[in-house]
Protein backbone atom coordinates (compact mmCIF):
# COMPACT_ATOMS: atom_id res chain seq x y z
CA MET A 1 7.77 -41.38 -10.42
CA LYS A 2 7.12 -38.50 -12.79
CA LYS A 3 3.81 -37.78 -11.03
CA TYR A 4 5.49 -37.75 -7.65
CA LEU A 5 8.16 -35.20 -8.87
CA MET A 6 5.50 -33.01 -10.34
CA VAL A 7 3.47 -32.94 -7.13
CA LEU A 8 6.65 -32.27 -5.10
CA SER A 9 7.55 -29.44 -7.46
CA ILE A 10 4.11 -27.83 -7.09
CA VAL A 11 4.30 -28.11 -3.25
CA VAL A 12 7.86 -26.58 -3.13
CA ILE A 13 6.68 -23.63 -5.35
CA ALA A 14 3.56 -23.13 -3.21
CA VAL A 15 5.69 -23.09 0.04
CA ILE A 16 8.13 -20.57 -1.44
CA GLY A 17 5.22 -18.39 -2.51
CA ALA A 18 3.71 -18.48 0.90
CA ILE A 19 7.02 -17.56 2.56
CA LEU A 20 7.49 -14.63 0.26
CA TYR A 21 3.91 -13.42 0.83
CA VAL A 22 4.34 -13.54 4.59
CA LYS A 23 7.66 -11.69 4.44
CA GLU A 24 5.98 -8.95 2.33
CA GLU A 25 3.28 -8.63 4.94
CA ASP A 26 5.79 -8.12 7.76
CA LYS A 27 7.51 -5.11 6.13
CA PRO A 28 6.81 -1.80 7.77
CA ILE A 29 4.68 0.57 5.85
CA ASN A 30 6.74 3.36 4.17
CA PHE A 31 4.74 6.65 4.19
CA VAL A 32 5.73 9.39 1.70
CA VAL A 33 4.48 12.98 1.41
CA PHE A 34 1.69 13.13 -1.08
CA SER A 35 0.58 16.74 -0.51
CA GLN A 36 2.08 19.64 1.37
CA TYR A 37 -0.13 21.76 3.52
CA PHE A 38 -1.67 24.72 1.67
CA ASN A 39 -4.83 25.54 3.57
CA ASP A 40 -7.52 23.80 5.68
CA GLU A 41 -10.11 23.65 2.85
CA LEU A 42 -7.77 21.95 0.37
CA GLN A 43 -6.52 19.56 3.02
CA LYS A 44 -10.09 18.60 4.10
CA SER A 45 -11.03 18.01 0.45
CA LEU A 46 -8.09 15.73 -0.13
CA VAL A 47 -8.64 13.78 3.12
CA ASP A 48 -12.39 13.34 2.20
CA ARG A 49 -11.37 11.88 -1.20
CA LEU A 50 -8.79 9.57 0.34
CA GLU A 51 -11.33 8.35 2.86
CA ALA A 52 -13.99 7.82 0.13
CA ASN A 53 -11.49 5.66 -1.70
CA ASN A 54 -10.27 3.71 1.34
CA ILE A 55 -6.78 4.99 1.08
CA PRO A 56 -4.93 5.21 4.37
CA TYR A 57 -3.20 8.39 5.23
CA GLN A 58 -1.45 10.29 7.91
CA VAL A 59 -1.27 14.09 8.59
CA ASP A 60 2.08 15.11 10.05
CA ALA A 61 2.76 17.98 12.41
CA GLU A 62 3.22 20.46 9.51
CA GLY A 63 -0.07 19.46 7.91
CA ASN A 64 1.44 17.37 5.16
CA VAL A 65 -0.66 14.52 3.96
CA LYS A 66 1.39 11.22 3.83
CA LEU A 67 0.33 8.03 2.17
CA PRO A 68 1.76 4.47 2.05
CA GLU A 69 4.17 4.33 -0.90
CA LYS A 70 2.21 1.51 -2.38
CA ASP A 71 -1.00 3.59 -2.61
CA VAL A 72 0.40 6.75 -4.22
CA GLU A 73 -0.61 5.70 -7.79
CA LYS A 74 -4.13 4.89 -6.64
CA ALA A 75 -4.36 8.29 -4.95
CA VAL A 76 -3.06 10.11 -8.04
CA LEU A 77 -5.84 8.48 -10.12
CA CYS A 78 -8.61 9.32 -7.67
CA CYS A 79 -7.58 12.41 -5.89
CA SER A 80 -5.52 14.66 -8.09
């Protein structure tokens, strides 16, 4: 009986973990401004470093470079 309860507990925990993981994947990506536009040379340099480190980015209409909020720390470490 104890073995059955232990297996059932592990299965329940695994299912809850899988549900939480899937919910996290469905969230829309929140982009934040990482760098404001200064000039073309600086922007190109930043974009090149982001691409080299496989960090997704967007450039908005004003030339600001936006990153997913979850990747800002990684970008600071590699691209600042």
